[in-house]
Amino acid sequence: MKSFLFKHYSILSQLFLSMGFSFFLLMVRMKLNQSFFLLFMVWNLFLAIIPYAISSYLLSKKQPSKLTVLT
């Protein structure tokens, strides 16, 4: 896991920075308009992380060769 984080640091930092900025803009909009409309966007951001994390993990795992699977 540690090697994965160091390998993909720039991508992950940009991802979390943009998510934080989106969350900040949503909070500012909620404060100015006194409305909770579009609050579901936080949940959608969370749900978007799940497939990204799973696919990144599977790509970073060492894939077994066909010989080791057959043996």
C-alpha atoms as a PDB file:
ATOM      1  CA  MET A   1       0.000   0.000   0.000  1.00  0.00           C
ATOM      2  CA  LYS A   2       2.849   2.368   0.849  1.00  0.00           C
ATOM      3  CA  SER A   3       4.486   1.870  -2.541  1.00  0.00           C
ATOM      4  CA  PHE A   4       1.141   2.461  -4.252  1.00  0.00           C
ATOM      5  CA  LEU A   5       0.693   5.787  -2.470  1.00  0.00           C
ATOM      6  CA  PHE A   6       4.177   6.963  -3.395  1.00  0.00           C
ATOM      7  CA  LYS A   7       3.744   5.812  -6.981  1.00  0.00           C
ATOM      8  CA  HIS A   8       0.426   7.602  -7.506  1.00  0.00           C
ATOM      9  CA  TYR A   9       1.001  10.605  -5.229  1.00  0.00           C
ATOM     10  CA  SER A  10       0.397  13.269  -7.887  1.00  0.00           C
ATOM     11  CA  ILE A  11      -2.854  11.714  -9.098  1.00  0.00           C
ATOM     12  CA  LEU A  12      -4.185  11.143  -5.586  1.00  0.00           C
ATOM     13  CA  SER A  13      -3.223  14.621  -4.421  1.00  0.00           C
ATOM     14  CA  GLN A  14      -5.010  16.221  -7.383  1.00  0.00           C
ATOM     15  CA  LEU A  15      -8.041  14.018  -6.788  1.00  0.00           C
ATOM     16  CA  PHE A  16      -8.324  14.887  -3.100  1.00  0.00           C
ATOM     17  CA  LEU A  17      -7.588  18.552  -3.736  1.00  0.00           C
ATOM     18  CA  SER A  18     -10.397  18.784  -6.295  1.00  0.00           C
ATOM     19  CA  MET A  19     -12.769  16.895  -3.988  1.00  0.00           C
ATOM     20  CA  GLY A  20     -11.931  19.231  -1.130  1.00  0.00           C
ATOM     21  CA  PHE A  21     -12.471  22.263  -3.336  1.00  0.00           C
ATOM     22  CA  SER A  22     -15.853  20.887  -4.470  1.00  0.00           C
ATOM     23  CA  PHE A  23     -16.841  20.287  -0.863  1.00  0.00           C
ATOM     24  CA  PHE A  24     -15.734  23.821   0.068  1.00  0.00           C
ATOM     25  CA  LEU A  25     -17.753  25.369  -2.781  1.00  0.00           C
ATOM     26  CA  LEU A  26     -20.800  23.354  -1.762  1.00  0.00           C
ATOM     27  CA  MET A  27     -20.491  24.556   1.838  1.00  0.00           C
ATOM     28  CA  VAL A  28     -20.154  28.184   0.693  1.00  0.00           C
ATOM     29  CA  ARG A  29     -23.219  27.808  -1.520  1.00  0.00           C
ATOM     30  CA  MET A  30     -25.171  26.274   1.353  1.00  0.00           C
ATOM     31  CA  LYS A  31     -24.172  29.141   3.649  1.00  0.00           C
ATOM     32  CA  LEU A  32     -25.093  31.847   1.124  1.00  0.00           C
ATOM     33  CA  ASN A  33     -28.385  30.352  -0.083  1.00  0.00           C
ATOM     34  CA  GLN A  34     -29.504  28.708   3.175  1.00  0.00           C
ATOM     35  CA  SER A  35     -30.446  25.645   1.119  1.00  0.00           C
ATOM     36  CA  PHE A  36     -29.401  22.000   1.346  1.00  0.00           C
ATOM     37  CA  PHE A  37     -30.155  21.371  -2.321  1.00  0.00           C
ATOM     38  CA  LEU A  38     -27.365  19.433  -4.111  1.00  0.00           C
ATOM     39  CA  LEU A  39     -26.043  18.066  -0.820  1.00  0.00           C
ATOM     40  CA  PHE A  40     -26.198  14.630  -2.455  1.00  0.00           C
ATOM     41  CA  MET A  41     -23.087  15.649  -4.415  1.00  0.00           C
ATOM     42  CA  VAL A  42     -20.950  14.748  -1.379  1.00  0.00           C
ATOM     43  CA  TRP A  43     -22.407  11.245  -1.443  1.00  0.00           C
ATOM     44  CA  ASN A  44     -21.762  10.994  -5.192  1.00  0.00           C
ATOM     45  CA  LEU A  45     -18.131  11.996  -4.680  1.00  0.00           C
ATOM     46  CA  PHE A  46     -17.796   9.280  -2.060  1.00  0.00           C
ATOM     47  CA  LEU A  47     -19.385   6.699  -4.355  1.00  0.00           C
ATOM     48  CA  ALA A  48     -17.046   7.706  -7.168  1.00  0.00           C
ATOM     49  CA  ILE A  49     -14.009   6.909  -4.997  1.00  0.00           C
ATOM     50  CA  ILE A  50     -15.019   3.280  -4.434  1.00  0.00           C
ATOM     51  CA  PRO A  51     -14.584   1.969  -8.029  1.00  0.00           C
ATOM     52  CA  TYR A  52     -11.448   4.088  -8.452  1.00  0.00           C
ATOM     53  CA  ALA A  53      -9.902   2.604  -5.295  1.00  0.00           C
ATOM     54  CA  ILE A  54     -10.812  -0.959  -6.266  1.00  0.00           C
ATOM     55  CA  SER A  55      -9.497  -0.659  -9.810  1.00  0.00           C
ATOM     56  CA  SER A  56      -6.310   1.078  -8.643  1.00  0.00           C
ATOM     57  CA  TYR A  57      -5.713  -1.666  -6.102  1.00  0.00           C
ATOM     58  CA  LEU A  58      -6.239  -4.415  -8.670  1.00  0.00           C
ATOM     59  CA  LEU A  59      -3.909  -2.734 -11.145  1.00  0.00           C
ATOM     60  CA  SER A  60      -1.183  -2.338  -8.530  1.00  0.00           C
ATOM     61  CA  LYS A  61      -1.329  -5.999  -7.471  1.00  0.00           C
ATOM     62  CA  LYS A  62       1.193  -8.275  -9.037  1.00  0.00           C
ATOM     63  CA  GLN A  63      -0.584 -10.383 -11.628  1.00  0.00           C
ATOM     64  CA  PRO A  64       0.256 -14.086 -11.515  1.00  0.00           C
ATOM     65  CA  SER A  65       1.600 -15.669 -14.637  1.00  0.00           C
ATOM     66  CA  LYS A  66      -0.276 -18.467 -16.362  1.00  0.00           C
ATOM     67  CA  LEU A  67       2.288 -21.050 -15.263  1.00  0.00           C
ATOM     68  CA  THR A  68       1.732 -20.392 -11.563  1.00  0.00           C
ATOM     69  CA  VAL A  69      -2.041 -20.620 -12.014  1.00  0.00           C
ATOM     70  CA  LEU A  70      -1.771 -23.980 -13.778  1.00  0.00           C
ATOM     71  CA  THR A  71       0.658 -25.484 -11.282  1.00  0.00           C
END
